[in-house]
N, C-alpha and C. Protein backbone atom coordinates (compact mmCIF):
# COMPACT_ATOMS: atom_id res chain seq x y z
N MET A 1 48.45 -9.25 -31.91
CA MET A 1 46.81 -9.30 -32.09
C MET A 1 46.23 -8.71 -33.35
N THR A 2 45.34 -9.46 -33.61
CA THR A 2 44.63 -9.04 -34.64
C THR A 2 43.19 -8.72 -34.12
N TYR A 3 42.64 -7.50 -34.82
CA TYR A 3 41.28 -7.33 -34.43
C TYR A 3 40.30 -7.54 -35.53
N LEU A 4 39.22 -8.03 -35.40
CA LEU A 4 38.07 -8.52 -36.48
C LEU A 4 36.90 -8.06 -36.00
N ALA A 5 36.26 -7.17 -37.04
CA ALA A 5 35.00 -6.72 -36.95
C ALA A 5 33.81 -7.72 -37.43
N ILE A 6 32.88 -8.10 -36.74
CA ILE A 6 31.65 -8.84 -37.15
C ILE A 6 30.56 -7.96 -37.22
N LEU A 7 29.83 -7.87 -38.48
CA LEU A 7 28.90 -7.38 -38.63
C LEU A 7 27.45 -8.28 -38.71
N ASP A 8 26.72 -7.91 -37.68
CA ASP A 8 25.57 -9.09 -37.53
C ASP A 8 24.31 -8.04 -37.44
N ASN A 9 23.20 -7.98 -38.13
CA ASN A 9 22.08 -7.34 -38.01
C ASN A 9 22.24 -5.86 -37.80
N ASN A 10 23.04 -5.30 -38.37
CA ASN A 10 23.39 -3.91 -38.49
C ASN A 10 24.26 -3.67 -37.29
N GLU A 11 24.95 -4.60 -36.39
CA GLU A 11 25.57 -4.17 -35.28
C GLU A 11 26.78 -4.66 -35.52
N LEU A 12 27.87 -3.91 -34.82
CA LEU A 12 29.36 -3.99 -35.08
C LEU A 12 29.92 -4.28 -33.88
N SER A 13 30.62 -5.49 -33.92
CA SER A 13 31.28 -6.07 -32.87
C SER A 13 32.77 -6.15 -33.13
N VAL A 14 33.59 -5.71 -32.20
CA VAL A 14 35.12 -5.79 -32.30
C VAL A 14 35.39 -7.03 -31.46
N VAL A 15 36.15 -7.83 -32.09
CA VAL A 15 36.68 -9.10 -31.37
C VAL A 15 38.40 -8.87 -31.31
N MET A 16 38.96 -9.24 -30.50
CA MET A 16 40.50 -9.29 -30.50
C MET A 16 41.04 -10.46 -31.07
N ASP A 17 40.83 -11.41 -30.99
CA ASP A 17 41.33 -12.68 -31.45
C ASP A 17 40.52 -13.39 -32.61
N SER A 18 40.77 -13.73 -33.81
CA SER A 18 40.19 -14.20 -34.89
C SER A 18 39.67 -15.61 -34.70
N GLY A 19 40.38 -16.33 -33.81
CA GLY A 19 39.65 -17.50 -33.02
C GLY A 19 38.40 -17.35 -32.30
N GLN A 20 38.54 -16.45 -31.71
CA GLN A 20 37.39 -16.09 -30.95
C GLN A 20 36.01 -15.54 -31.57
N ALA A 21 36.65 -14.82 -32.71
CA ALA A 21 35.75 -14.10 -33.57
C ALA A 21 34.77 -15.29 -34.27
N GLN A 22 35.42 -16.31 -34.66
CA GLN A 22 34.77 -17.31 -35.36
C GLN A 22 33.93 -18.44 -34.22
N ALA A 23 34.21 -18.31 -32.96
CA ALA A 23 33.54 -18.87 -32.07
C ALA A 23 32.34 -18.18 -31.65
N ASP A 24 32.36 -16.96 -31.70
CA ASP A 24 31.14 -15.99 -31.58
C ASP A 24 30.23 -16.21 -32.50
N ALA A 25 30.89 -16.09 -33.89
CA ALA A 25 29.73 -16.15 -34.98
C ALA A 25 28.99 -17.57 -34.98
N GLN A 26 29.72 -18.75 -34.50
CA GLN A 26 28.86 -20.00 -34.44
C GLN A 26 27.98 -19.98 -33.39
N ALA A 27 28.32 -19.40 -32.12
CA ALA A 27 27.36 -19.16 -31.10
C ALA A 27 26.13 -18.62 -31.38
N GLN A 28 26.32 -17.58 -32.14
CA GLN A 28 25.17 -16.65 -32.74
C GLN A 28 24.42 -17.43 -33.70
N GLN A 29 24.90 -18.30 -34.66
CA GLN A 29 24.21 -18.86 -35.51
C GLN A 29 23.52 -20.13 -34.87
N ALA A 30 24.21 -20.73 -33.80
CA ALA A 30 23.40 -21.97 -32.85
C ALA A 30 22.28 -21.15 -32.16
N GLN A 31 22.39 -19.97 -31.64
CA GLN A 31 21.12 -19.38 -30.93
C GLN A 31 20.27 -19.13 -31.85
N GLN A 32 20.48 -18.58 -33.10
CA GLN A 32 19.25 -18.28 -33.96
C GLN A 32 18.59 -19.55 -34.40
N SER A 33 19.44 -20.67 -34.79
CA SER A 33 18.76 -21.77 -35.45
C SER A 33 17.94 -22.28 -33.99
N ALA A 34 18.58 -22.45 -32.74
CA ALA A 34 17.78 -22.85 -31.69
C ALA A 34 16.43 -21.93 -31.57
N GLY A 35 16.33 -20.81 -31.91
CA GLY A 35 15.24 -20.14 -31.64
C GLY A 35 14.14 -20.38 -32.57
N THR A 36 14.75 -20.59 -33.94
CA THR A 36 13.83 -21.13 -34.82
C THR A 36 13.22 -22.49 -34.35
N VAL A 37 14.05 -23.64 -34.04
CA VAL A 37 13.39 -24.87 -33.30
C VAL A 37 12.42 -24.48 -32.37
N ASP A 38 12.68 -23.72 -31.36
CA ASP A 38 11.97 -23.56 -30.33
C ASP A 38 10.46 -23.13 -30.94
N SER A 39 10.57 -21.97 -31.74
CA SER A 39 9.28 -21.33 -32.26
C SER A 39 8.52 -22.56 -32.94
N SER A 40 9.00 -23.32 -33.73
CA SER A 40 8.61 -24.23 -34.64
C SER A 40 7.79 -25.31 -33.46
N ALA A 41 8.56 -25.64 -32.35
CA ALA A 41 8.06 -26.67 -31.58
C ALA A 41 6.84 -26.03 -30.59
N GLN A 42 6.90 -24.78 -30.45
CA GLN A 42 5.65 -24.12 -29.65
C GLN A 42 4.46 -23.93 -30.75
N ASN A 43 4.76 -23.59 -31.94
CA ASN A 43 3.62 -23.80 -33.07
C ASN A 43 2.92 -25.23 -32.99
N ALA A 44 3.83 -26.17 -33.00
CA ALA A 44 3.24 -27.49 -33.09
C ALA A 44 2.58 -27.82 -31.90
N GLN A 45 2.97 -27.42 -30.77
CA GLN A 45 2.03 -27.67 -29.36
C GLN A 45 0.97 -26.80 -29.43
N ALA A 46 0.78 -25.70 -30.01
CA ALA A 46 -0.18 -25.03 -30.18
C ALA A 46 -1.29 -25.48 -31.01
N GLN A 47 -0.83 -26.06 -32.03
CA GLN A 47 -1.65 -26.64 -33.06
C GLN A 47 -2.35 -28.13 -32.67
N GLN A 48 -1.55 -28.70 -31.71
CA GLN A 48 -1.89 -30.28 -31.54
C GLN A 48 -3.10 -30.21 -30.89
N PRO A 49 -3.50 -29.54 -29.77
CA PRO A 49 -4.95 -29.63 -29.37
C PRO A 49 -6.16 -29.47 -30.38
N GLN A 50 -5.76 -28.64 -31.27
CA GLN A 50 -6.77 -28.34 -32.34
C GLN A 50 -7.01 -29.44 -33.05
N GLN A 51 -6.00 -30.26 -33.36
CA GLN A 51 -6.07 -31.54 -34.40
C GLN A 51 -6.82 -32.53 -33.59
N SER A 52 -6.59 -32.66 -32.41
CA SER A 52 -7.09 -33.55 -31.49
C SER A 52 -8.67 -33.57 -31.42
N ARG A 53 -9.16 -32.37 -31.43
CA ARG A 53 -10.72 -32.09 -31.10
C ARG A 53 -11.39 -32.39 -32.43
N GLY A 54 -10.72 -31.96 -33.82
CA GLY A 54 -11.54 -32.24 -34.71
C GLY A 54 -11.60 -33.71 -35.19
N GLY A 55 -10.61 -34.37 -35.17
CA GLY A 55 -10.56 -35.59 -35.69
C GLY A 55 -10.70 -36.79 -34.67
N GLY A 56 -10.97 -37.88 -35.37
CA GLY A 56 -11.32 -39.20 -34.53
C GLY A 56 -12.71 -39.46 -34.25
N PHE A 57 -13.01 -40.78 -33.85
CA PHE A 57 -14.06 -41.00 -33.36
C PHE A 57 -14.70 -40.59 -32.11
N GLY A 58 -13.85 -40.55 -31.25
CA GLY A 58 -14.11 -40.41 -29.85
C GLY A 58 -14.69 -41.79 -29.03
N THR A 59 -15.16 -41.65 -27.81
CA THR A 59 -15.68 -42.85 -27.19
C THR A 59 -16.94 -43.29 -27.90
N MET A 60 -18.05 -42.50 -28.11
CA MET A 60 -19.22 -42.94 -28.66
C MET A 60 -19.11 -43.48 -29.89
N GLY A 61 -18.21 -42.83 -30.91
CA GLY A 61 -18.08 -43.29 -32.02
C GLY A 61 -17.36 -44.92 -31.99
N MET A 62 -16.44 -45.06 -31.11
CA MET A 62 -15.72 -46.44 -31.00
C MET A 62 -17.04 -47.40 -30.50
N ILE A 63 -17.84 -47.02 -29.52
CA ILE A 63 -18.97 -47.85 -29.06
C ILE A 63 -20.04 -48.19 -30.32
N LEU A 64 -20.26 -47.34 -31.26
CA LEU A 64 -21.14 -47.43 -32.30
C LEU A 64 -20.48 -48.30 -33.26
N TYR A 65 -19.12 -48.33 -33.44
CA TYR A 65 -18.32 -49.18 -34.53
C TYR A 65 -18.48 -50.36 -33.82
N ILE A 66 -18.25 -50.47 -32.84
CA ILE A 66 -18.34 -52.17 -32.15
C ILE A 66 -19.66 -52.91 -32.45
N LEU A 67 -20.88 -51.77 -32.09
CA LEU A 67 -22.06 -52.19 -31.97
C LEU A 67 -22.52 -52.62 -33.65
N ALA A 68 -21.79 -51.90 -34.48
CA ALA A 68 -22.04 -52.34 -36.12
C ALA A 68 -21.64 -53.48 -36.33
N LEU A 69 -20.28 -53.83 -35.90
CA LEU A 69 -19.70 -54.97 -35.84
C LEU A 69 -20.34 -56.10 -35.70
N VAL A 70 -20.93 -56.10 -34.38
CA VAL A 70 -21.88 -57.12 -33.68
C VAL A 70 -22.96 -57.45 -34.62
N ALA A 71 -23.72 -56.43 -35.05
CA ALA A 71 -24.74 -56.38 -35.70
C ALA A 71 -24.61 -57.13 -37.07
N ILE A 72 -23.42 -56.70 -37.60
CA ILE A 72 -23.05 -57.42 -39.09
C ILE A 72 -22.73 -58.93 -38.87
N PHE A 73 -22.16 -59.14 -37.79
CA PHE A 73 -22.03 -60.55 -37.48
C PHE A 73 -22.98 -61.36 -37.28
N TYR A 74 -23.69 -60.82 -36.36
CA TYR A 74 -25.29 -61.54 -36.06
C TYR A 74 -26.10 -61.91 -37.33
N PHE A 75 -26.09 -60.71 -38.27
CA PHE A 75 -26.86 -61.11 -39.47
C PHE A 75 -26.35 -61.75 -40.63
N LEU A 76 -24.91 -61.94 -40.44
CA LEU A 76 -24.29 -62.84 -41.50
C LEU A 76 -23.90 -64.17 -41.17
N ALA A 77 -23.81 -64.33 -39.86
CA ALA A 77 -23.38 -65.54 -39.36
C ALA A 77 -24.47 -66.39 -38.24
N ILE A 78 -24.97 -65.76 -37.34
CA ILE A 78 -25.74 -66.50 -36.31
C ILE A 78 -27.11 -66.65 -36.78
N ARG A 79 -27.66 -65.72 -37.41
CA ARG A 79 -29.08 -65.78 -37.80
C ARG A 79 -29.33 -67.01 -38.90
N PRO A 80 -28.43 -66.59 -40.02
CA PRO A 80 -28.82 -68.19 -40.80
C PRO A 80 -28.50 -69.37 -40.45
N SER A 81 -27.67 -69.59 -39.38
CA SER A 81 -27.14 -71.00 -38.80
C SER A 81 -28.67 -71.40 -37.86
N ARG A 82 -29.09 -70.64 -37.17
CA ARG A 82 -30.23 -70.67 -36.52
C ARG A 82 -31.36 -71.05 -37.25
N LYS A 83 -31.57 -70.47 -38.26
CA LYS A 83 -32.66 -70.50 -39.25
C LYS A 83 -32.36 -71.94 -39.96
N ARG A 84 -31.22 -72.47 -40.31
CA ARG A 84 -31.04 -73.54 -40.82
C ARG A 84 -31.43 -74.94 -39.82
N GLU A 85 -31.07 -74.50 -38.63
CA GLU A 85 -31.32 -75.80 -37.70
C GLU A 85 -32.70 -75.91 -37.18
N LYS A 86 -33.39 -74.79 -37.32
CA LYS A 86 -34.84 -74.82 -37.16
C LYS A 86 -35.28 -75.54 -38.08
N GLU A 87 -35.12 -75.23 -39.55
CA GLU A 87 -35.75 -76.22 -40.66
C GLU A 87 -35.44 -77.44 -40.52
N LEU A 88 -34.28 -77.78 -40.16
CA LEU A 88 -33.79 -79.26 -39.99
C LEU A 88 -34.54 -79.89 -38.95
N LYS A 89 -34.60 -79.44 -37.81
CA LYS A 89 -35.43 -79.91 -36.73
C LYS A 89 -37.04 -80.17 -37.23
N GLU A 90 -37.39 -79.29 -37.83
CA GLU A 90 -38.77 -79.31 -38.54
C GLU A 90 -38.81 -80.55 -39.49
N ILE A 91 -37.76 -80.84 -40.15
CA ILE A 91 -37.70 -81.85 -41.30
C ILE A 91 -37.50 -83.29 -40.17
N GLN A 92 -36.73 -83.27 -39.61
CA GLN A 92 -36.77 -84.53 -38.50
C GLN A 92 -38.16 -84.69 -37.84
N ALA A 93 -38.78 -83.84 -37.56
CA ALA A 93 -40.07 -84.14 -36.87
C ALA A 93 -41.01 -84.64 -37.50
N ALA A 94 -41.00 -84.14 -38.91
CA ALA A 94 -42.06 -84.48 -39.86
C ALA A 94 -41.70 -86.04 -40.60
N ILE A 95 -40.65 -86.55 -39.99
CA ILE A 95 -40.51 -87.90 -40.89
C ILE A 95 -41.70 -88.78 -40.42
N LYS A 96 -41.85 -89.74 -41.38
CA LYS A 96 -42.88 -90.73 -41.22
C LYS A 96 -42.58 -91.97 -41.97
N VAL A 97 -42.90 -93.18 -41.68
CA VAL A 97 -42.76 -94.23 -42.33
C VAL A 97 -43.03 -94.32 -43.69
N GLY A 98 -42.17 -94.63 -44.50
CA GLY A 98 -42.18 -94.60 -46.06
C GLY A 98 -41.37 -93.57 -46.58
N ASP A 99 -41.21 -92.64 -45.90
CA ASP A 99 -39.95 -91.61 -46.62
C ASP A 99 -39.10 -91.73 -47.18
N ASP A 100 -38.28 -91.42 -48.16
CA ASP A 100 -37.14 -91.56 -48.65
C ASP A 100 -36.32 -90.39 -47.86
N VAL A 101 -35.22 -90.66 -47.27
CA VAL A 101 -34.21 -89.67 -46.37
C VAL A 101 -33.00 -89.83 -46.86
N MET A 102 -32.02 -88.92 -46.34
CA MET A 102 -30.63 -88.97 -46.66
C MET A 102 -30.05 -88.62 -45.18
N THR A 103 -29.27 -89.42 -45.14
CA THR A 103 -28.23 -89.28 -43.58
C THR A 103 -27.08 -88.42 -43.74
N SER A 104 -26.61 -88.31 -42.61
CA SER A 104 -25.40 -87.10 -42.50
C SER A 104 -24.24 -87.81 -43.09
N SER A 105 -24.27 -89.19 -43.32
CA SER A 105 -23.09 -89.62 -44.17
C SER A 105 -23.30 -89.94 -45.43
N GLY A 106 -24.42 -89.24 -46.07
CA GLY A 106 -24.73 -89.54 -47.39
C GLY A 106 -25.27 -90.55 -48.17
N PHE A 107 -25.93 -91.44 -47.09
CA PHE A 107 -26.79 -92.80 -47.66
C PHE A 107 -28.18 -92.01 -47.85
N TYR A 108 -28.76 -92.62 -49.04
CA TYR A 108 -30.22 -92.66 -48.97
C TYR A 108 -30.76 -93.80 -48.66
N GLY A 109 -32.04 -93.92 -47.97
CA GLY A 109 -32.77 -94.93 -47.73
C GLY A 109 -34.14 -94.63 -47.64
N LYS A 110 -34.93 -95.66 -47.12
CA LYS A 110 -36.41 -95.47 -46.91
C LYS A 110 -36.74 -95.72 -45.42
N VAL A 111 -37.52 -95.02 -44.70
CA VAL A 111 -37.74 -95.15 -43.49
C VAL A 111 -38.80 -96.67 -43.11
N VAL A 112 -38.34 -97.41 -42.25
CA VAL A 112 -39.53 -98.77 -42.39
C VAL A 112 -40.05 -98.83 -40.96
N GLU A 113 -39.25 -98.15 -39.90
CA GLU A 113 -39.66 -98.23 -38.89
C GLU A 113 -39.26 -96.83 -38.13
N LEU A 114 -40.23 -96.28 -37.05
CA LEU A 114 -39.96 -94.98 -36.33
C LEU A 114 -40.15 -95.09 -34.78
N ASN A 115 -39.08 -94.76 -34.06
CA ASN A 115 -39.30 -94.60 -32.49
C ASN A 115 -39.13 -92.95 -32.30
N ASP A 116 -39.06 -92.74 -30.98
CA ASP A 116 -38.79 -91.48 -30.56
C ASP A 116 -37.34 -90.69 -31.17
N GLN A 117 -36.39 -91.34 -30.83
CA GLN A 117 -34.92 -91.05 -31.28
C GLN A 117 -34.43 -91.86 -32.19
N VAL A 118 -34.72 -92.83 -32.51
CA VAL A 118 -34.11 -93.84 -33.33
C VAL A 118 -35.22 -94.33 -34.52
N VAL A 119 -34.85 -94.25 -35.94
CA VAL A 119 -35.46 -94.36 -36.89
C VAL A 119 -34.68 -95.80 -38.01
N THR A 120 -35.41 -96.66 -38.46
CA THR A 120 -34.70 -97.70 -38.74
C THR A 120 -34.98 -97.50 -40.17
N VAL A 121 -33.87 -97.62 -40.99
CA VAL A 121 -33.88 -97.03 -42.54
C VAL A 121 -33.20 -98.49 -43.41
N GLU A 122 -34.07 -98.45 -44.40
CA GLU A 122 -33.56 -99.49 -45.22
C GLU A 122 -32.71 -98.99 -46.31
N PHE A 123 -31.56 -99.53 -46.63
CA PHE A 123 -30.68 -99.05 -47.42
C PHE A 123 -30.57 -100.09 -48.57
N GLY A 124 -29.91 -99.70 -49.85
CA GLY A 124 -29.54 -100.46 -50.91
C GLY A 124 -30.32 -100.62 -51.96
N THR A 125 -30.01 -101.26 -53.12
CA THR A 125 -31.09 -101.22 -54.33
C THR A 125 -32.01 -102.33 -54.04
N ASN A 126 -31.68 -103.39 -53.33
CA ASN A 126 -32.47 -104.56 -52.95
C ASN A 126 -33.36 -104.27 -51.79
N ARG A 127 -33.16 -103.19 -51.33
CA ARG A 127 -33.78 -102.74 -49.90
C ARG A 127 -33.80 -104.11 -48.80
N GLY A 128 -32.66 -104.72 -48.68
CA GLY A 128 -32.31 -105.82 -47.98
C GLY A 128 -31.57 -105.37 -46.66
N VAL A 129 -30.89 -104.11 -46.52
CA VAL A 129 -30.10 -103.75 -45.33
C VAL A 129 -30.92 -102.92 -44.66
N ARG A 130 -31.28 -103.19 -43.40
CA ARG A 130 -31.95 -102.37 -42.26
C ARG A 130 -31.04 -101.87 -41.39
N ILE A 131 -30.70 -100.60 -41.05
CA ILE A 131 -30.03 -99.94 -40.07
C ILE A 131 -30.70 -98.92 -39.40
N PRO A 132 -30.56 -99.25 -37.95
CA PRO A 132 -31.35 -98.11 -36.96
C PRO A 132 -30.18 -96.85 -37.07
N VAL A 133 -30.87 -95.67 -37.38
CA VAL A 133 -30.14 -94.45 -37.38
C VAL A 133 -30.82 -93.52 -36.39
N LYS A 134 -29.90 -92.63 -35.77
CA LYS A 134 -30.24 -91.81 -34.81
C LYS A 134 -31.18 -90.62 -35.72
N LYS A 135 -32.25 -90.28 -35.27
CA LYS A 135 -33.04 -89.26 -35.76
C LYS A 135 -32.36 -88.09 -36.30
N SER A 136 -31.51 -87.35 -35.27
CA SER A 136 -30.75 -86.13 -35.73
C SER A 136 -29.72 -86.42 -36.70
N GLU A 137 -29.39 -87.44 -36.97
CA GLU A 137 -28.62 -87.81 -38.17
C GLU A 137 -29.31 -87.74 -39.67
N ILE A 138 -30.49 -87.37 -39.50
CA ILE A 138 -31.14 -87.39 -40.89
C ILE A 138 -31.13 -85.94 -41.29
N LEU A 139 -30.81 -85.86 -42.29
CA LEU A 139 -30.57 -84.49 -42.79
C LEU A 139 -31.57 -83.84 -43.83
N GLY A 140 -32.45 -85.05 -44.38
CA GLY A 140 -33.24 -84.51 -45.51
C GLY A 140 -34.44 -85.43 -45.95
N ASN A 141 -35.60 -85.07 -46.52
CA ASN A 141 -36.59 -86.01 -46.99
C ASN A 141 -36.62 -85.96 -48.37
N LYS A 142 -35.62 -86.83 -49.05
CA LYS A 142 -35.46 -86.58 -50.47
C LYS A 142 -34.72 -88.08 -51.00
N ALA A 143 -35.37 -88.19 -52.11
CA ALA A 143 -34.94 -89.51 -52.94
C ALA A 143 -33.48 -89.26 -53.51
N PRO A 144 -32.80 -90.19 -53.68
CA PRO A 144 -31.54 -90.01 -54.50
C PRO A 144 -31.84 -89.51 -56.20
N ASN A 145 -31.17 -88.76 -56.58
CA ASN A 145 -31.17 -88.23 -57.93
C ASN A 145 -30.23 -89.18 -58.95
N VAL A 146 -30.99 -90.77 -59.20
CA VAL A 146 -30.22 -91.53 -60.11
C VAL A 146 -31.23 -91.78 -61.23
N PRO A 147 -30.72 -91.58 -62.52
CA PRO A 147 -31.69 -92.05 -63.40
C PRO A 147 -32.06 -93.62 -63.60
N ASP A 148 -33.59 -93.77 -63.98
CA ASP A 148 -33.80 -94.95 -63.93
C ASP A 148 -33.46 -95.62 -65.12
N GLU A 149 -33.62 -97.03 -65.24
CA GLU A 149 -33.11 -97.82 -66.16
C GLU A 149 -33.72 -97.59 -67.46
N GLU A 150 -35.18 -97.46 -67.54
CA GLU A 150 -35.89 -97.29 -68.62
C GLU A 150 -35.66 -96.07 -69.28
N THR A 151 -35.31 -95.13 -68.74
CA THR A 151 -34.84 -93.60 -69.38
C THR A 151 -33.31 -93.68 -70.07
N LYS A 152 -32.67 -94.80 -69.77
CA LYS A 152 -31.30 -95.09 -70.45
C LYS A 152 -31.56 -95.45 -71.82
């Protein structure tokens, strides 16, 4: 039998078998490392509530964030669209006989007859083609931008 002395933290331990001594030394190291892990886990748990109180938006912040997104969407998408629709309806309501108009298909013509919902428009250079067009399909009061033959 061999005796082995192990010095640990100024303590003297005498073990009878060298294999047993190595096992005891490993067990002590495992306990020390486990103690370190446990204390770091406790520190992390103690710090966790402090972090959650200080950071983040919270419920009120999220509500304000969503309201801000809705407001941005309204002012960038919905409001301009409604404004364009209103202007277009005013243009369509102001159409009278003799106006130059542009249809939604891109054709330019002159209004020759006007009813409640249907407008008869003359198309072509000779103005020989008359086509009834729904009033909602007229996009503007404007003449085509083509150069005259005199300016050529």
